[in-house]
Amino acid sequence: MAQTAPQSAPTWRDSSPHQVRWITVDSSVKLEVLDWAGSGPPFVLLACYLSTHVYDEFAPKLTDQSHVYGMTRRGIGASDKPATGYSVQQSANDLFEVFNSLKLQHALLVGHSCAGQVLTMFAAQHADRLRGLVYFDNHMSAVVGVGAAVVTRCDRGVRHARRCRGCGIDAPRGEDVASRPG
């Protein structure tokens, strides 16, 4: 009887057209930041518990209108995995340091799933650095309240979540522009 050789798993090869940057935050933690380049205002992608490579197919489609970046959070993928520093506040601080390193202003910040918490915290603290927020499959409805996501426009025109039912984040006063069931 003929035996077949065991098949090896295919090796992943990164074919996405981006440059990998390493940005040091919190004095010694190196984060993987992908730069798909592009023309236009900055567009920053953030994933939850996945590497930013999850956007490898999607991000290049945006480069004709935006300069697209993606940040892999600490503890995930190729980014450093320190023993501490995994709070939402620390993730927002890391993101702020990445914004500073890349000299980003008026970025559209996009987050998937639990990265929505980081977006909300970042927007509450640094609204002047944003032109908007986009939440993909986010779990903010669990944080904000039963099936609700509340968005506010501040005096600078930035849309972001406001404090609601214990999420603990206060945004600048402004007009409510959206409230939708989850």
N, C-alpha and C. Protein backbone atom coordinates (compact mmCIF):
# COMPACT_ATOMS: atom_id res chain seq x y z
N MET A 1 0.84 -1.16 0.00
CA MET A 1 0.00 0.00 0.00
C MET A 1 0.90 1.23 0.00
N ALA A 2 0.57 2.18 -0.84
CA ALA A 2 1.36 3.41 -0.97
C ALA A 2 1.02 4.37 0.16
N GLN A 3 2.03 4.97 0.69
CA GLN A 3 1.82 5.96 1.74
C GLN A 3 2.06 7.35 1.15
N THR A 4 1.26 8.29 1.59
CA THR A 4 1.46 9.67 1.14
C THR A 4 2.23 10.42 2.21
N ALA A 5 3.08 11.27 1.75
CA ALA A 5 3.86 12.09 2.68
C ALA A 5 2.94 13.10 3.34
N PRO A 6 3.15 13.39 4.61
CA PRO A 6 2.32 14.41 5.28
C PRO A 6 2.51 15.76 4.59
N GLN A 7 1.41 16.46 4.44
CA GLN A 7 1.48 17.78 3.81
C GLN A 7 1.78 18.82 4.86
N SER A 8 2.70 19.71 4.52
CA SER A 8 3.01 20.79 5.46
C SER A 8 2.03 21.94 5.24
N ALA A 9 1.78 22.65 6.28
CA ALA A 9 0.87 23.80 6.20
C ALA A 9 1.52 24.87 5.33
N PRO A 10 0.72 25.53 4.50
CA PRO A 10 1.31 26.59 3.67
C PRO A 10 1.86 27.72 4.54
N THR A 11 2.96 28.27 4.11
CA THR A 11 3.59 29.37 4.84
C THR A 11 2.93 30.68 4.43
N TRP A 12 2.56 31.49 5.41
CA TRP A 12 1.94 32.78 5.13
C TRP A 12 2.98 33.72 4.56
N ARG A 13 2.61 34.40 3.50
CA ARG A 13 3.49 35.38 2.89
C ARG A 13 2.72 36.68 2.79
N ASP A 14 3.26 37.73 3.33
CA ASP A 14 2.61 39.04 3.33
C ASP A 14 2.79 39.68 1.95
N SER A 15 1.73 39.72 1.19
CA SER A 15 1.80 40.29 -0.16
C SER A 15 1.11 41.64 -0.24
N SER A 16 0.65 42.15 0.86
CA SER A 16 -0.03 43.44 0.86
C SER A 16 0.98 44.57 0.61
N PRO A 17 0.61 45.55 -0.19
CA PRO A 17 1.55 46.62 -0.55
C PRO A 17 1.70 47.69 0.53
N HIS A 18 2.36 47.34 1.59
CA HIS A 18 2.57 48.30 2.67
C HIS A 18 4.01 48.27 3.14
N GLN A 19 4.36 49.29 3.88
CA GLN A 19 5.66 49.36 4.54
C GLN A 19 5.41 49.10 6.02
N VAL A 20 6.29 48.35 6.65
CA VAL A 20 6.16 48.09 8.10
C VAL A 20 7.05 49.09 8.82
N ARG A 21 6.45 49.79 9.78
CA ARG A 21 7.19 50.71 10.65
C ARG A 21 7.12 50.17 12.06
N TRP A 22 8.14 50.43 12.83
CA TRP A 22 8.16 50.05 14.24
C TRP A 22 8.21 51.33 15.04
N ILE A 23 7.18 51.56 15.84
CA ILE A 23 7.10 52.78 16.63
C ILE A 23 7.16 52.40 18.11
N THR A 24 8.09 53.02 18.82
CA THR A 24 8.26 52.75 20.25
C THR A 24 7.34 53.66 21.05
N VAL A 25 6.56 53.04 21.93
CA VAL A 25 5.63 53.77 22.81
C VAL A 25 5.94 53.39 24.25
N ASP A 26 5.45 54.18 25.18
CA ASP A 26 5.59 53.86 26.60
C ASP A 26 7.05 53.54 26.95
N SER A 27 7.96 54.26 26.37
CA SER A 27 9.42 54.21 26.54
C SER A 27 10.14 52.98 25.98
N SER A 28 9.45 51.84 25.83
CA SER A 28 10.20 50.67 25.36
C SER A 28 9.37 49.64 24.58
N VAL A 29 8.09 49.88 24.38
CA VAL A 29 7.23 48.90 23.71
C VAL A 29 7.17 49.21 22.22
N LYS A 30 7.57 48.26 21.39
CA LYS A 30 7.56 48.46 19.94
C LYS A 30 6.26 47.94 19.35
N LEU A 31 5.58 48.83 18.61
CA LEU A 31 4.33 48.47 17.96
C LEU A 31 4.54 48.39 16.46
N GLU A 32 3.92 47.40 15.84
CA GLU A 32 3.94 47.27 14.39
C GLU A 32 2.89 48.22 13.82
N VAL A 33 3.34 49.10 12.93
CA VAL A 33 2.45 50.03 12.25
C VAL A 33 2.62 49.81 10.76
N LEU A 34 1.53 49.50 10.09
CA LEU A 34 1.56 49.29 8.65
C LEU A 34 1.20 50.59 7.95
N ASP A 35 1.93 50.90 6.90
CA ASP A 35 1.72 52.13 6.13
C ASP A 35 1.47 51.74 4.68
N TRP A 36 0.21 51.83 4.26
CA TRP A 36 -0.17 51.51 2.90
C TRP A 36 0.02 52.72 1.98
N ALA A 37 0.46 53.84 2.54
CA ALA A 37 0.66 55.09 1.81
C ALA A 37 -0.68 55.59 1.27
N GLY A 38 -0.65 56.30 0.17
CA GLY A 38 -1.85 56.86 -0.41
C GLY A 38 -1.83 58.36 -0.39
N SER A 39 -2.82 58.94 -1.02
CA SER A 39 -2.91 60.40 -1.06
C SER A 39 -4.20 60.84 -0.40
N GLY A 40 -4.09 61.88 0.37
CA GLY A 40 -5.25 62.40 1.07
C GLY A 40 -5.05 62.38 2.56
N PRO A 41 -6.11 62.69 3.30
CA PRO A 41 -6.02 62.76 4.77
C PRO A 41 -5.77 61.38 5.38
N PRO A 42 -5.20 61.35 6.59
CA PRO A 42 -4.88 60.07 7.22
C PRO A 42 -6.13 59.26 7.61
N PHE A 43 -6.00 57.98 7.45
CA PHE A 43 -7.04 56.99 7.74
C PHE A 43 -6.34 55.93 8.57
N VAL A 44 -6.71 55.76 9.84
CA VAL A 44 -5.98 54.86 10.75
C VAL A 44 -6.89 53.70 11.15
N LEU A 45 -6.41 52.48 10.90
CA LEU A 45 -7.14 51.26 11.18
C LEU A 45 -6.62 50.62 12.46
N LEU A 46 -7.54 50.16 13.29
CA LEU A 46 -7.19 49.51 14.55
C LEU A 46 -8.07 48.28 14.70
N ALA A 47 -7.46 47.14 14.98
CA ALA A 47 -8.21 45.90 15.17
C ALA A 47 -8.32 45.59 16.67
N CYS A 48 -9.16 44.66 16.99
CA CYS A 48 -9.35 44.27 18.38
C CYS A 48 -8.24 43.32 18.81
N TYR A 49 -8.50 42.04 18.77
CA TYR A 49 -7.50 41.06 19.19
C TYR A 49 -6.84 40.38 17.99
N LEU A 50 -6.72 41.13 16.90
CA LEU A 50 -6.07 40.63 15.69
C LEU A 50 -4.98 41.61 15.28
N SER A 51 -4.05 41.11 14.51
CA SER A 51 -3.04 41.98 13.93
C SER A 51 -3.70 42.90 12.90
N THR A 52 -3.10 44.04 12.66
CA THR A 52 -3.63 44.95 11.66
C THR A 52 -3.55 44.34 10.26
N HIS A 53 -2.84 43.24 10.12
CA HIS A 53 -2.81 42.55 8.83
C HIS A 53 -4.20 42.06 8.43
N VAL A 54 -5.14 42.06 9.35
CA VAL A 54 -6.51 41.69 9.02
C VAL A 54 -7.07 42.64 7.94
N TYR A 55 -6.48 43.82 7.80
CA TYR A 55 -6.92 44.81 6.81
C TYR A 55 -6.09 44.76 5.52
N ASP A 56 -5.23 43.76 5.34
CA ASP A 56 -4.33 43.72 4.18
C ASP A 56 -5.04 43.79 2.82
N GLU A 57 -6.21 43.24 2.71
CA GLU A 57 -6.93 43.31 1.42
C GLU A 57 -7.76 44.58 1.31
N PHE A 58 -8.28 45.04 2.41
CA PHE A 58 -9.18 46.20 2.44
C PHE A 58 -8.43 47.53 2.31
N ALA A 59 -7.35 47.68 3.04
CA ALA A 59 -6.64 48.96 3.13
C ALA A 59 -6.17 49.51 1.78
N PRO A 60 -5.58 48.71 0.89
CA PRO A 60 -5.10 49.27 -0.38
C PRO A 60 -6.21 49.90 -1.23
N LYS A 61 -7.45 49.49 -1.01
CA LYS A 61 -8.57 50.04 -1.77
C LYS A 61 -8.90 51.47 -1.37
N LEU A 62 -8.33 51.93 -0.26
CA LEU A 62 -8.61 53.27 0.25
C LEU A 62 -7.53 54.28 -0.09
N THR A 63 -6.42 53.82 -0.66
CA THR A 63 -5.26 54.69 -0.84
C THR A 63 -5.42 55.75 -1.93
N ASP A 64 -6.44 55.64 -2.75
CA ASP A 64 -6.66 56.68 -3.76
C ASP A 64 -7.28 57.93 -3.14
N GLN A 65 -7.83 57.81 -1.91
CA GLN A 65 -8.46 58.95 -1.26
C GLN A 65 -7.86 59.29 0.10
N SER A 66 -7.04 58.39 0.66
CA SER A 66 -6.50 58.61 2.00
C SER A 66 -5.09 58.01 2.10
N HIS A 67 -4.33 58.52 3.06
CA HIS A 67 -3.07 57.88 3.44
C HIS A 67 -3.43 56.91 4.55
N VAL A 68 -3.28 55.62 4.30
CA VAL A 68 -3.81 54.59 5.19
C VAL A 68 -2.71 53.98 6.06
N TYR A 69 -2.99 53.93 7.37
CA TYR A 69 -2.11 53.32 8.36
C TYR A 69 -2.91 52.28 9.14
N GLY A 70 -2.23 51.33 9.74
CA GLY A 70 -2.85 50.39 10.65
C GLY A 70 -1.91 50.13 11.82
N MET A 71 -2.43 50.12 13.02
CA MET A 71 -1.60 49.88 14.21
C MET A 71 -2.00 48.56 14.84
N THR A 72 -1.01 47.70 15.05
CA THR A 72 -1.24 46.45 15.79
C THR A 72 -0.96 46.74 17.26
N ARG A 73 -1.96 46.52 18.09
CA ARG A 73 -1.84 46.85 19.51
C ARG A 73 -0.83 45.95 20.22
N ARG A 74 -0.34 46.43 21.36
CA ARG A 74 0.61 45.65 22.16
C ARG A 74 -0.02 44.30 22.52
N GLY A 75 0.85 43.29 22.55
CA GLY A 75 0.39 41.96 22.92
C GLY A 75 -0.19 41.16 21.76
N ILE A 76 -0.24 41.74 20.58
CA ILE A 76 -0.88 41.10 19.44
C ILE A 76 0.09 41.07 18.27
N GLY A 77 0.04 39.99 17.51
CA GLY A 77 0.84 39.89 16.29
C GLY A 77 2.32 40.12 16.55
N ALA A 78 2.94 40.93 15.69
CA ALA A 78 4.38 41.18 15.79
C ALA A 78 4.72 42.27 16.81
N SER A 79 3.73 42.99 17.33
CA SER A 79 4.00 44.01 18.34
C SER A 79 4.52 43.36 19.62
N ASP A 80 5.28 44.14 20.40
CA ASP A 80 5.82 43.62 21.66
C ASP A 80 4.70 43.15 22.58
N LYS A 81 5.07 42.23 23.46
CA LYS A 81 4.13 41.64 24.42
C LYS A 81 4.65 41.84 25.84
N PRO A 82 4.59 43.08 26.35
CA PRO A 82 5.07 43.32 27.71
C PRO A 82 4.16 42.67 28.75
N ALA A 83 4.65 42.57 29.96
CA ALA A 83 3.89 41.94 31.05
C ALA A 83 2.70 42.79 31.49
N THR A 84 2.76 44.10 31.28
CA THR A 84 1.69 44.99 31.73
C THR A 84 1.32 45.98 30.62
N GLY A 85 0.27 46.75 30.88
CA GLY A 85 -0.10 47.83 29.97
C GLY A 85 -1.22 47.50 29.02
N TYR A 86 -2.18 46.70 29.46
CA TYR A 86 -3.24 46.24 28.57
C TYR A 86 -4.60 46.88 28.83
N SER A 87 -4.62 48.01 29.51
CA SER A 87 -5.90 48.69 29.75
C SER A 87 -6.32 49.46 28.50
N VAL A 88 -7.58 49.81 28.44
CA VAL A 88 -8.08 50.64 27.34
C VAL A 88 -7.35 51.98 27.34
N GLN A 89 -7.15 52.55 28.53
CA GLN A 89 -6.44 53.83 28.61
C GLN A 89 -5.02 53.71 28.04
N GLN A 90 -4.31 52.63 28.36
CA GLN A 90 -2.96 52.47 27.83
C GLN A 90 -2.98 52.30 26.32
N SER A 91 -3.96 51.59 25.79
CA SER A 91 -4.09 51.46 24.33
C SER A 91 -4.32 52.82 23.69
N ALA A 92 -5.15 53.66 24.32
CA ALA A 92 -5.38 55.01 23.81
C ALA A 92 -4.10 55.84 23.89
N ASN A 93 -3.34 55.67 24.97
CA ASN A 93 -2.06 56.37 25.10
C ASN A 93 -1.09 55.92 24.01
N ASP A 94 -1.04 54.60 23.76
CA ASP A 94 -0.18 54.08 22.70
C ASP A 94 -0.56 54.68 21.35
N LEU A 95 -1.85 54.73 21.09
CA LEU A 95 -2.34 55.29 19.83
C LEU A 95 -1.95 56.76 19.70
N PHE A 96 -2.04 57.49 20.81
CA PHE A 96 -1.65 58.90 20.81
C PHE A 96 -0.16 59.05 20.46
N GLU A 97 0.68 58.17 21.02
CA GLU A 97 2.10 58.22 20.71
C GLU A 97 2.37 57.88 19.25
N VAL A 98 1.59 56.96 18.69
CA VAL A 98 1.72 56.65 17.26
C VAL A 98 1.32 57.86 16.43
N PHE A 99 0.20 58.50 16.79
CA PHE A 99 -0.23 59.72 16.09
C PHE A 99 0.89 60.76 16.12
N ASN A 100 1.50 60.96 17.28
CA ASN A 100 2.58 61.94 17.41
C ASN A 100 3.78 61.57 16.56
N SER A 101 4.17 60.30 16.59
CA SER A 101 5.32 59.85 15.83
C SER A 101 5.11 60.04 14.32
N LEU A 102 3.90 59.77 13.86
CA LEU A 102 3.58 59.91 12.43
C LEU A 102 3.13 61.33 12.07
N LYS A 103 3.03 62.21 13.11
CA LYS A 103 2.57 63.60 12.92
C LYS A 103 1.18 63.66 12.27
N LEU A 104 0.28 62.81 12.77
CA LEU A 104 -1.07 62.74 12.20
C LEU A 104 -1.98 63.81 12.80
N GLN A 105 -2.71 64.46 11.94
CA GLN A 105 -3.72 65.44 12.32
C GLN A 105 -4.98 65.15 11.53
N HIS A 106 -6.12 65.35 12.13
CA HIS A 106 -7.42 65.23 11.46
C HIS A 106 -7.58 63.88 10.76
N ALA A 107 -7.26 62.81 11.48
CA ALA A 107 -7.36 61.45 10.95
C ALA A 107 -8.77 60.91 11.12
N LEU A 108 -9.15 60.04 10.21
CA LEU A 108 -10.34 59.24 10.37
C LEU A 108 -9.87 57.96 11.06
N LEU A 109 -10.39 57.68 12.24
CA LEU A 109 -9.97 56.55 13.05
C LEU A 109 -11.02 55.46 12.95
N VAL A 110 -10.59 54.26 12.57
CA VAL A 110 -11.50 53.15 12.32
C VAL A 110 -11.12 52.00 13.23
N GLY A 111 -12.10 51.45 13.94
CA GLY A 111 -11.81 50.34 14.85
C GLY A 111 -12.80 49.21 14.69
N HIS A 112 -12.29 47.99 14.82
CA HIS A 112 -13.10 46.79 14.71
C HIS A 112 -13.32 46.19 16.10
N SER A 113 -14.53 45.78 16.37
CA SER A 113 -14.89 45.06 17.58
C SER A 113 -14.47 45.83 18.84
N CYS A 114 -13.73 45.20 19.73
CA CYS A 114 -13.39 45.84 21.00
C CYS A 114 -12.44 47.02 20.84
N ALA A 115 -11.86 47.21 19.66
CA ALA A 115 -11.04 48.42 19.42
C ALA A 115 -11.91 49.66 19.53
N GLY A 116 -13.22 49.50 19.45
CA GLY A 116 -14.14 50.62 19.62
C GLY A 116 -13.98 51.32 20.95
N GLN A 117 -13.63 50.57 21.99
CA GLN A 117 -13.38 51.19 23.29
C GLN A 117 -12.19 52.14 23.21
N VAL A 118 -11.16 51.72 22.49
CA VAL A 118 -9.97 52.56 22.35
C VAL A 118 -10.32 53.81 21.55
N LEU A 119 -11.10 53.66 20.48
CA LEU A 119 -11.53 54.82 19.68
C LEU A 119 -12.26 55.83 20.55
N THR A 120 -13.20 55.34 21.34
CA THR A 120 -14.00 56.21 22.18
C THR A 120 -13.14 56.95 23.20
N MET A 121 -12.25 56.23 23.84
CA MET A 121 -11.35 56.85 24.83
C MET A 121 -10.45 57.88 24.15
N PHE A 122 -9.87 57.51 23.02
CA PHE A 122 -8.98 58.42 22.29
C PHE A 122 -9.74 59.68 21.87
N ALA A 123 -10.93 59.52 21.33
CA ALA A 123 -11.71 60.68 20.87
C ALA A 123 -12.09 61.61 22.02
N ALA A 124 -12.40 61.04 23.17
CA ALA A 124 -12.75 61.86 24.32
C ALA A 124 -11.57 62.70 24.80
N GLN A 125 -10.36 62.19 24.60
CA GLN A 125 -9.16 62.86 25.09
C GLN A 125 -8.43 63.67 24.02
N HIS A 126 -8.63 63.34 22.75
CA HIS A 126 -7.85 63.97 21.68
C HIS A 126 -8.72 64.28 20.46
N ALA A 127 -9.91 64.79 20.68
CA ALA A 127 -10.84 65.08 19.59
C ALA A 127 -10.24 66.00 18.54
N ASP A 128 -9.34 66.88 18.95
CA ASP A 128 -8.73 67.82 18.02
C ASP A 128 -7.84 67.13 16.98
N ARG A 129 -7.47 65.87 17.21
CA ARG A 129 -6.62 65.13 16.27
C ARG A 129 -7.44 64.32 15.26
N LEU A 130 -8.76 64.36 15.39
CA LEU A 130 -9.62 63.50 14.57
C LEU A 130 -10.54 64.30 13.66
N ARG A 131 -10.89 63.68 12.53
CA ARG A 131 -11.96 64.21 11.69
C ARG A 131 -13.18 63.31 11.77
N GLY A 132 -13.03 62.13 12.39
CA GLY A 132 -14.18 61.26 12.56
C GLY A 132 -13.79 59.90 13.08
N LEU A 133 -14.82 59.12 13.43
CA LEU A 133 -14.66 57.76 13.93
C LEU A 133 -15.56 56.83 13.15
N VAL A 134 -15.08 55.61 12.93
CA VAL A 134 -15.90 54.57 12.31
C VAL A 134 -15.75 53.33 13.18
N TYR A 135 -16.89 52.76 13.58
CA TYR A 135 -16.90 51.55 14.39
C TYR A 135 -17.39 50.39 13.52
N PHE A 136 -16.55 49.34 13.36
CA PHE A 136 -16.94 48.11 12.64
C PHE A 136 -17.26 47.03 13.66
N ASP A 137 -18.43 46.41 13.52
CA ASP A 137 -18.79 45.28 14.40
C ASP A 137 -18.32 45.50 15.82
N ASN A 138 -18.67 46.63 16.35
CA ASN A 138 -18.12 47.01 17.65
C ASN A 138 -19.03 46.58 18.77
N HIS A 139 -18.46 46.45 19.91
CA HIS A 139 -19.24 46.00 21.07
C HIS A 139 -19.64 47.16 21.97
N MET A 140 -19.62 48.38 21.45
CA MET A 140 -19.99 49.52 22.27
C MET A 140 -21.41 49.41 22.80
N SER A 141 -22.28 48.68 22.11
CA SER A 141 -23.64 48.54 22.61
C SER A 141 -23.64 47.89 23.99
N ALA A 142 -22.69 47.01 24.25
CA ALA A 142 -22.60 46.38 25.56
C ALA A 142 -22.08 47.36 26.61
N VAL A 143 -21.25 48.32 26.19
CA VAL A 143 -20.68 49.29 27.11
C VAL A 143 -21.66 50.44 27.34
N VAL A 144 -22.26 50.92 26.27
CA VAL A 144 -23.13 52.08 26.34
C VAL A 144 -24.47 51.75 26.95
N GLY A 145 -25.01 50.61 26.67
CA GLY A 145 -26.31 50.24 27.20
C GLY A 145 -27.01 49.31 26.24
N VAL A 146 -28.19 48.90 26.57
CA VAL A 146 -28.89 47.89 25.81
C VAL A 146 -29.09 48.33 24.37
N GLY A 147 -28.29 47.78 23.49
CA GLY A 147 -28.45 47.99 22.06
C GLY A 147 -28.31 49.41 21.56
N ALA A 148 -27.64 50.29 22.28
CA ALA A 148 -27.57 51.68 21.85
C ALA A 148 -26.13 52.11 21.61
N ALA A 149 -25.93 52.87 20.57
CA ALA A 149 -24.65 53.53 20.34
C ALA A 149 -24.97 55.01 20.18
N VAL A 150 -24.45 55.85 21.04
CA VAL A 150 -24.75 57.27 21.02
C VAL A 150 -23.53 58.01 20.48
N VAL A 151 -23.76 58.88 19.52
CA VAL A 151 -22.68 59.62 18.91
C VAL A 151 -22.96 61.10 19.08
N THR A 152 -21.93 61.89 19.33
CA THR A 152 -22.06 63.33 19.54
C THR A 152 -21.12 64.06 18.60
N ARG A 153 -21.53 65.24 18.16
CA ARG A 153 -20.64 66.09 17.38
C ARG A 153 -20.19 67.21 18.31
N CYS A 154 -18.87 67.35 18.46
CA CYS A 154 -18.35 68.39 19.34
C CYS A 154 -18.25 69.71 18.57
N ASP A 155 -17.82 70.74 19.24
CA ASP A 155 -17.73 72.07 18.63
C ASP A 155 -16.79 72.10 17.43
N ARG A 156 -15.85 71.16 17.35
CA ARG A 156 -14.91 71.11 16.22
C ARG A 156 -15.44 70.24 15.09
N GLY A 157 -16.64 69.72 15.21
CA GLY A 157 -17.23 68.92 14.16
C GLY A 157 -16.86 67.45 14.19
N VAL A 158 -16.16 67.01 15.23
CA VAL A 158 -15.76 65.62 15.34
C VAL A 158 -16.93 64.82 15.91
N ARG A 159 -17.21 63.66 15.34
CA ARG A 159 -18.26 62.80 15.87
C ARG A 159 -17.60 61.76 16.78
N HIS A 160 -18.14 61.58 17.96
CA HIS A 160 -17.61 60.57 18.86
C HIS A 160 -18.64 60.21 19.91
N ALA A 161 -18.37 59.11 20.57
CA ALA A 161 -19.31 58.65 21.59
C ALA A 161 -19.28 59.59 22.78
N ARG A 162 -20.41 59.72 23.46
CA ARG A 162 -20.45 60.53 24.67
C ARG A 162 -20.76 59.61 25.86
N ARG A 163 -20.55 60.14 27.04
CA ARG A 163 -20.82 59.34 28.23
C ARG A 163 -22.29 58.94 28.27
N CYS A 164 -22.51 57.68 28.48
CA CYS A 164 -23.88 57.20 28.52
C CYS A 164 -23.95 55.90 29.30
N ARG A 165 -24.78 55.84 30.30
CA ARG A 165 -25.01 54.64 31.09
C ARG A 165 -23.73 53.97 31.56
N GLY A 166 -22.81 54.75 32.07
CA GLY A 166 -21.66 54.16 32.74
C GLY A 166 -20.47 53.79 31.88
N CYS A 167 -20.41 54.27 30.62
CA CYS A 167 -19.22 53.92 29.84
C CYS A 167 -18.01 54.67 30.38
N GLY A 168 -18.24 55.75 31.13
CA GLY A 168 -17.15 56.41 31.82
C GLY A 168 -16.36 57.41 31.00
N ILE A 169 -16.82 57.74 29.82
CA ILE A 169 -16.07 58.66 28.98
C ILE A 169 -16.93 59.87 28.68
N ASP A 170 -16.43 61.05 29.01
CA ASP A 170 -17.13 62.29 28.71
C ASP A 170 -16.52 62.92 27.48
N ALA A 171 -17.34 63.30 26.53
CA ALA A 171 -16.89 64.00 25.33
C ALA A 171 -17.29 65.46 25.46
N PRO A 172 -16.68 66.35 24.68
CA PRO A 172 -17.09 67.75 24.72
C PRO A 172 -18.58 67.89 24.42
N ARG A 173 -19.18 68.94 24.98
CA ARG A 173 -20.60 69.15 24.76
C ARG A 173 -20.85 69.42 23.28
N GLY A 174 -21.98 69.02 22.80
CA GLY A 174 -22.32 69.25 21.41
C GLY A 174 -23.70 68.69 21.14
N GLU A 175 -24.05 68.71 19.89
CA GLU A 175 -25.37 68.27 19.48
C GLU A 175 -25.36 66.77 19.21
N ASP A 176 -26.38 66.05 19.69
CA ASP A 176 -26.50 64.64 19.37
C ASP A 176 -26.83 64.50 17.89
N VAL A 177 -26.06 63.70 17.18
CA VAL A 177 -26.31 63.55 15.76
C VAL A 177 -26.80 62.16 15.38
N ALA A 178 -26.66 61.21 16.27
CA ALA A 178 -27.14 59.86 15.94
C ALA A 178 -27.35 59.05 17.20
N SER A 179 -28.40 58.30 17.20
CA SER A 179 -28.64 57.32 18.24
C SER A 179 -29.37 56.19 17.56
N ARG A 180 -28.77 55.03 17.50
CA ARG A 180 -29.38 53.95 16.75
C ARG A 180 -29.45 52.69 17.60
N PRO A 181 -30.47 51.90 17.39
CA PRO A 181 -30.53 50.62 18.09
C PRO A 181 -29.43 49.70 17.61
N GLY A 182 -28.95 48.83 18.48
CA GLY A 182 -27.86 47.92 18.15
C GLY A 182 -28.28 46.72 17.38
